[in-house]
Amino acid sequence: MRPRLVLSVALAAALACSGEEASDAQAALAKRGEQVYLNNCTACHARDPRQPGPIGPPVASASLALLEAKMLRNEYPPGYTPQRDTQAMIPLVHLEPELPALAAYLAAEAQ
């Protein structure tokens, strides 16, 4: 993981340990992730991340490791089996600081 991403994940984990404040912080993180998703992902993935999009598969519950691998390097994490066998997605490295927020949103949408 890249240092900035590690710091973001560590901060999110630390906040998760402080009770109600953590749930408020997690909700705010997921809300920011929703905006990242709507602004950057819905051209290929469905507006509802639980549904298949016109080009991309459903992405609700995508892990931070998957997002980092796919969005930064257009790879898959070791042992991951892709839902679709395409190389249509391009790296979106400018979103690296937003990956924890995006992961929080996609995790919330999977529930």
N, C-alpha and C. Protein backbone atom coordinates (compact mmCIF):
# COMPACT_ATOMS: atom_id res chain seq x y z
N MET A 1 0.84 -1.19 0.00
CA MET A 1 0.00 0.00 0.00
C MET A 1 0.88 1.25 0.00
N ARG A 2 0.37 2.28 -0.58
CA ARG A 2 1.09 3.54 -0.62
C ARG A 2 0.95 4.25 0.72
N PRO A 3 1.94 5.06 1.12
CA PRO A 3 1.92 5.69 2.45
C PRO A 3 0.66 6.51 2.73
N ARG A 4 0.20 7.30 1.77
CA ARG A 4 -0.99 8.13 1.99
C ARG A 4 -2.21 7.25 2.22
N LEU A 5 -2.32 6.18 1.45
CA LEU A 5 -3.44 5.26 1.59
C LEU A 5 -3.38 4.55 2.93
N VAL A 6 -2.20 4.13 3.34
CA VAL A 6 -2.03 3.48 4.64
C VAL A 6 -2.45 4.42 5.76
N LEU A 7 -2.06 5.69 5.66
CA LEU A 7 -2.43 6.67 6.67
C LEU A 7 -3.95 6.84 6.72
N SER A 8 -4.60 6.91 5.58
CA SER A 8 -6.06 7.05 5.53
C SER A 8 -6.75 5.85 6.16
N VAL A 9 -6.25 4.66 5.86
CA VAL A 9 -6.84 3.44 6.42
C VAL A 9 -6.62 3.42 7.93
N ALA A 10 -5.43 3.78 8.39
CA ALA A 10 -5.14 3.79 9.82
C ALA A 10 -6.03 4.79 10.55
N LEU A 11 -6.24 5.95 9.95
CA LEU A 11 -7.11 6.95 10.55
C LEU A 11 -8.54 6.43 10.64
N ALA A 12 -9.03 5.82 9.59
CA ALA A 12 -10.38 5.26 9.61
C ALA A 12 -10.50 4.18 10.68
N ALA A 13 -9.48 3.34 10.81
CA ALA A 13 -9.51 2.29 11.83
C ALA A 13 -9.49 2.87 13.24
N ALA A 14 -8.69 3.91 13.45
CA ALA A 14 -8.63 4.55 14.77
C ALA A 14 -9.98 5.16 15.13
N LEU A 15 -10.61 5.79 14.16
CA LEU A 15 -11.92 6.36 14.41
C LEU A 15 -12.95 5.30 14.72
N ALA A 16 -12.80 4.14 14.12
CA ALA A 16 -13.76 3.06 14.33
C ALA A 16 -13.72 2.54 15.76
N CYS A 17 -12.67 2.83 16.48
CA CYS A 17 -12.52 2.34 17.85
C CYS A 17 -13.14 3.26 18.89
N SER A 18 -13.70 4.40 18.48
CA SER A 18 -14.16 5.36 19.47
C SER A 18 -15.68 5.48 19.55
N GLY A 19 -16.41 4.41 19.31
CA GLY A 19 -17.85 4.37 19.55
C GLY A 19 -18.69 5.20 18.60
N GLU A 20 -19.61 5.99 19.19
CA GLU A 20 -20.57 6.75 18.39
C GLU A 20 -19.89 7.74 17.46
N GLU A 21 -18.84 8.38 17.93
CA GLU A 21 -18.10 9.30 17.07
C GLU A 21 -17.58 8.56 15.84
N ALA A 22 -17.20 7.32 16.04
CA ALA A 22 -16.69 6.52 14.93
C ALA A 22 -17.78 6.25 13.92
N SER A 23 -18.98 5.93 14.38
CA SER A 23 -20.05 5.66 13.42
C SER A 23 -20.41 6.93 12.66
N ASP A 24 -20.35 8.09 13.31
CA ASP A 24 -20.57 9.35 12.61
C ASP A 24 -19.46 9.60 11.59
N ALA A 25 -18.23 9.32 11.98
CA ALA A 25 -17.10 9.50 11.07
C ALA A 25 -17.19 8.52 9.91
N GLN A 26 -17.60 7.29 10.19
CA GLN A 26 -17.74 6.28 9.14
C GLN A 26 -18.86 6.68 8.18
N ALA A 27 -19.95 7.20 8.71
CA ALA A 27 -21.06 7.65 7.87
C ALA A 27 -20.62 8.81 6.98
N ALA A 28 -19.84 9.73 7.53
CA ALA A 28 -19.34 10.86 6.74
C ALA A 28 -18.38 10.37 5.66
N LEU A 29 -17.54 9.39 6.01
CA LEU A 29 -16.61 8.83 5.05
C LEU A 29 -17.38 8.15 3.91
N ALA A 30 -18.41 7.38 4.25
CA ALA A 30 -19.22 6.70 3.24
C ALA A 30 -19.97 7.71 2.38
N LYS A 31 -20.44 8.80 2.97
CA LYS A 31 -21.14 9.84 2.22
C LYS A 31 -20.19 10.47 1.20
N ARG A 32 -18.96 10.73 1.61
CA ARG A 32 -17.96 11.26 0.67
C ARG A 32 -17.68 10.23 -0.43
N GLY A 33 -17.61 8.96 -0.04
CA GLY A 33 -17.40 7.89 -1.01
C GLY A 33 -18.53 7.80 -2.01
N GLU A 34 -19.75 8.06 -1.57
CA GLU A 34 -20.89 8.05 -2.48
C GLU A 34 -20.70 9.11 -3.56
N GLN A 35 -20.26 10.29 -3.16
CA GLN A 35 -20.04 11.36 -4.15
C GLN A 35 -18.91 11.00 -5.11
N VAL A 36 -17.85 10.39 -4.59
CA VAL A 36 -16.76 9.93 -5.45
C VAL A 36 -17.30 8.93 -6.46
N TYR A 37 -18.09 7.99 -5.98
CA TYR A 37 -18.67 6.96 -6.86
C TYR A 37 -19.56 7.59 -7.93
N LEU A 38 -20.48 8.45 -7.52
CA LEU A 38 -21.40 9.06 -8.47
C LEU A 38 -20.67 9.91 -9.50
N ASN A 39 -19.64 10.60 -9.08
CA ASN A 39 -18.92 11.49 -9.99
C ASN A 39 -17.92 10.78 -10.90
N ASN A 40 -17.48 9.59 -10.52
CA ASN A 40 -16.39 8.96 -11.26
C ASN A 40 -16.67 7.57 -11.79
N CYS A 41 -17.65 6.90 -11.26
CA CYS A 41 -17.80 5.47 -11.56
C CYS A 41 -19.05 5.12 -12.37
N THR A 42 -20.05 5.99 -12.34
CA THR A 42 -21.34 5.62 -12.91
C THR A 42 -21.39 5.66 -14.44
N ALA A 43 -20.38 6.15 -15.09
CA ALA A 43 -20.36 6.08 -16.56
C ALA A 43 -20.25 4.61 -17.00
N CYS A 44 -19.58 3.80 -16.21
CA CYS A 44 -19.38 2.38 -16.56
C CYS A 44 -20.13 1.44 -15.62
N HIS A 45 -20.21 1.79 -14.35
CA HIS A 45 -20.91 0.97 -13.36
C HIS A 45 -22.27 1.60 -13.11
N ALA A 46 -23.23 0.81 -12.70
CA ALA A 46 -24.59 1.31 -12.46
C ALA A 46 -24.60 2.34 -11.34
N ARG A 47 -25.58 3.21 -11.37
CA ARG A 47 -25.77 4.19 -10.29
C ARG A 47 -25.93 3.47 -8.96
N ASP A 48 -26.61 2.33 -8.98
CA ASP A 48 -26.73 1.46 -7.81
C ASP A 48 -25.58 0.47 -7.89
N PRO A 49 -24.59 0.56 -7.00
CA PRO A 49 -23.41 -0.31 -7.12
C PRO A 49 -23.69 -1.80 -6.93
N ARG A 50 -24.92 -2.15 -6.55
CA ARG A 50 -25.30 -3.57 -6.43
C ARG A 50 -25.73 -4.16 -7.76
N GLN A 51 -25.91 -3.30 -8.76
CA GLN A 51 -26.40 -3.73 -10.07
C GLN A 51 -25.28 -3.69 -11.10
N PRO A 52 -25.36 -4.52 -12.14
CA PRO A 52 -24.38 -4.43 -13.22
C PRO A 52 -24.59 -3.15 -14.00
N GLY A 53 -23.49 -2.57 -14.45
CA GLY A 53 -23.56 -1.36 -15.26
C GLY A 53 -23.47 -1.68 -16.73
N PRO A 54 -23.47 -0.67 -17.57
CA PRO A 54 -23.41 -0.91 -19.00
C PRO A 54 -22.08 -1.53 -19.44
N ILE A 55 -21.02 -1.26 -18.69
CA ILE A 55 -19.70 -1.82 -19.01
C ILE A 55 -19.13 -2.60 -17.84
N GLY A 56 -19.28 -2.06 -16.63
CA GLY A 56 -18.66 -2.65 -15.45
C GLY A 56 -19.62 -3.49 -14.63
N PRO A 57 -19.07 -4.42 -13.85
CA PRO A 57 -19.89 -5.30 -13.01
C PRO A 57 -20.38 -4.57 -11.76
N PRO A 58 -21.27 -5.20 -10.97
CA PRO A 58 -21.63 -4.64 -9.67
C PRO A 58 -20.36 -4.53 -8.81
N VAL A 59 -20.27 -3.47 -8.04
CA VAL A 59 -19.05 -3.26 -7.24
C VAL A 59 -19.33 -3.09 -5.75
N ALA A 60 -20.60 -3.19 -5.33
CA ALA A 60 -20.89 -3.11 -3.90
C ALA A 60 -20.07 -4.18 -3.20
N SER A 61 -19.52 -3.85 -2.09
CA SER A 61 -18.67 -4.71 -1.25
C SER A 61 -17.24 -4.87 -1.77
N ALA A 62 -16.86 -4.13 -2.83
CA ALA A 62 -15.47 -4.21 -3.30
C ALA A 62 -14.54 -3.78 -2.16
N SER A 63 -13.54 -4.58 -1.89
CA SER A 63 -12.61 -4.30 -0.79
C SER A 63 -11.64 -3.19 -1.16
N LEU A 64 -11.03 -2.62 -0.15
CA LEU A 64 -10.01 -1.61 -0.37
C LEU A 64 -8.86 -2.18 -1.19
N ALA A 65 -8.50 -3.43 -0.93
CA ALA A 65 -7.41 -4.08 -1.70
C ALA A 65 -7.78 -4.19 -3.17
N LEU A 66 -9.02 -4.55 -3.46
CA LEU A 66 -9.47 -4.64 -4.85
C LEU A 66 -9.48 -3.26 -5.50
N LEU A 67 -10.02 -2.27 -4.80
CA LEU A 67 -10.06 -0.92 -5.35
C LEU A 67 -8.66 -0.41 -5.63
N GLU A 68 -7.74 -0.62 -4.69
CA GLU A 68 -6.37 -0.16 -4.89
C GLU A 68 -5.74 -0.84 -6.11
N ALA A 69 -5.86 -2.15 -6.20
CA ALA A 69 -5.24 -2.89 -7.30
C ALA A 69 -5.85 -2.49 -8.64
N LYS A 70 -7.17 -2.46 -8.71
CA LYS A 70 -7.83 -2.21 -9.98
C LYS A 70 -7.75 -0.75 -10.39
N MET A 71 -8.01 0.15 -9.46
CA MET A 71 -8.08 1.57 -9.81
C MET A 71 -6.72 2.22 -9.98
N LEU A 72 -5.72 1.70 -9.29
CA LEU A 72 -4.40 2.32 -9.40
C LEU A 72 -3.50 1.64 -10.42
N ARG A 73 -3.65 0.31 -10.57
CA ARG A 73 -2.72 -0.43 -11.44
C ARG A 73 -3.41 -1.27 -12.51
N ASN A 74 -4.74 -1.24 -12.55
CA ASN A 74 -5.52 -2.07 -13.47
C ASN A 74 -5.12 -3.54 -13.37
N GLU A 75 -5.00 -3.99 -12.12
CA GLU A 75 -4.68 -5.38 -11.80
C GLU A 75 -5.76 -5.89 -10.84
N TYR A 76 -5.65 -7.14 -10.49
CA TYR A 76 -6.50 -7.72 -9.45
C TYR A 76 -5.61 -8.18 -8.32
N PRO A 77 -6.12 -8.17 -7.09
CA PRO A 77 -5.32 -8.68 -5.97
C PRO A 77 -5.05 -10.17 -6.17
N PRO A 78 -3.97 -10.68 -5.59
CA PRO A 78 -3.67 -12.11 -5.71
C PRO A 78 -4.85 -12.95 -5.23
N GLY A 79 -5.19 -13.96 -6.02
CA GLY A 79 -6.26 -14.88 -5.67
C GLY A 79 -7.66 -14.40 -6.00
N TYR A 80 -7.81 -13.19 -6.49
CA TYR A 80 -9.14 -12.66 -6.82
C TYR A 80 -9.58 -13.16 -8.18
N THR A 81 -10.82 -13.60 -8.28
CA THR A 81 -11.39 -14.03 -9.55
C THR A 81 -12.32 -12.93 -10.06
N PRO A 82 -11.99 -12.30 -11.18
CA PRO A 82 -12.81 -11.20 -11.69
C PRO A 82 -14.22 -11.66 -12.07
N GLN A 83 -15.18 -10.74 -11.94
CA GLN A 83 -16.55 -11.02 -12.35
C GLN A 83 -16.69 -11.03 -13.87
N ARG A 84 -15.88 -10.22 -14.52
CA ARG A 84 -15.88 -10.14 -15.98
C ARG A 84 -14.44 -10.19 -16.46
N ASP A 85 -14.22 -10.88 -17.55
CA ASP A 85 -12.87 -11.02 -18.09
C ASP A 85 -12.62 -9.96 -19.16
N THR A 86 -12.50 -8.71 -18.71
CA THR A 86 -12.24 -7.62 -19.64
C THR A 86 -11.09 -6.76 -19.09
N GLN A 87 -10.57 -5.93 -19.93
CA GLN A 87 -9.56 -4.95 -19.52
C GLN A 87 -10.07 -3.55 -19.84
N ALA A 88 -11.39 -3.35 -19.76
CA ALA A 88 -12.00 -2.08 -20.15
C ALA A 88 -11.66 -0.94 -19.19
N MET A 89 -11.44 -1.24 -17.92
CA MET A 89 -11.20 -0.18 -16.95
C MET A 89 -9.80 0.38 -17.08
N ILE A 90 -9.73 1.69 -17.00
CA ILE A 90 -8.43 2.37 -17.02
C ILE A 90 -8.04 2.72 -15.59
N PRO A 91 -6.75 2.84 -15.30
CA PRO A 91 -6.34 3.28 -13.97
C PRO A 91 -6.87 4.70 -13.68
N LEU A 92 -7.28 4.91 -12.46
CA LEU A 92 -7.79 6.21 -12.02
C LEU A 92 -6.97 6.68 -10.83
N VAL A 93 -5.68 6.87 -11.06
CA VAL A 93 -4.74 7.15 -9.97
C VAL A 93 -5.05 8.45 -9.23
N HIS A 94 -5.73 9.37 -9.88
CA HIS A 94 -6.07 10.63 -9.22
C HIS A 94 -7.05 10.41 -8.06
N LEU A 95 -7.69 9.25 -8.00
CA LEU A 95 -8.63 8.95 -6.93
C LEU A 95 -7.99 8.25 -5.73
N GLU A 96 -6.70 8.04 -5.77
CA GLU A 96 -6.03 7.32 -4.67
C GLU A 96 -6.40 7.87 -3.28
N PRO A 97 -6.41 9.18 -3.05
CA PRO A 97 -6.76 9.66 -1.70
C PRO A 97 -8.20 9.36 -1.30
N GLU A 98 -9.05 9.08 -2.27
CA GLU A 98 -10.46 8.84 -2.00
C GLU A 98 -10.82 7.36 -1.86
N LEU A 99 -9.85 6.47 -2.04
CA LEU A 99 -10.17 5.04 -1.99
C LEU A 99 -10.77 4.59 -0.66
N PRO A 100 -10.29 5.06 0.50
CA PRO A 100 -10.95 4.64 1.75
C PRO A 100 -12.42 5.07 1.82
N ALA A 101 -12.71 6.27 1.33
CA ALA A 101 -14.10 6.74 1.31
C ALA A 101 -14.94 5.90 0.36
N LEU A 102 -14.39 5.61 -0.80
CA LEU A 102 -15.11 4.79 -1.77
C LEU A 102 -15.36 3.38 -1.22
N ALA A 103 -14.36 2.81 -0.57
CA ALA A 103 -14.51 1.48 0.04
C ALA A 103 -15.58 1.51 1.13
N ALA A 104 -15.62 2.57 1.93
CA ALA A 104 -16.63 2.69 2.99
C ALA A 104 -18.02 2.75 2.38
N TYR A 105 -18.19 3.50 1.32
CA TYR A 105 -19.50 3.59 0.64
C TYR A 105 -19.90 2.24 0.07
N LEU A 106 -19.00 1.58 -0.63
CA LEU A 106 -19.34 0.30 -1.26
C LEU A 106 -19.63 -0.77 -0.21
N ALA A 107 -18.95 -0.72 0.92
CA ALA A 107 -19.24 -1.67 2.01
C ALA A 107 -20.63 -1.40 2.57
N ALA A 108 -20.98 -0.14 2.75
CA ALA A 108 -22.31 0.21 3.27
C ALA A 108 -23.41 -0.22 2.30
N GLU A 109 -23.15 -0.09 1.02
CA GLU A 109 -24.14 -0.45 0.01
C GLU A 109 -24.34 -1.97 -0.08
N ALA A 110 -23.37 -2.72 0.34
CA ALA A 110 -23.46 -4.19 0.26
C ALA A 110 -24.35 -4.75 1.36
N GLN A 111 -24.63 -3.97 2.37
CA GLN A 111 -25.41 -4.46 3.53
C GLN A 111 -26.89 -4.39 3.28
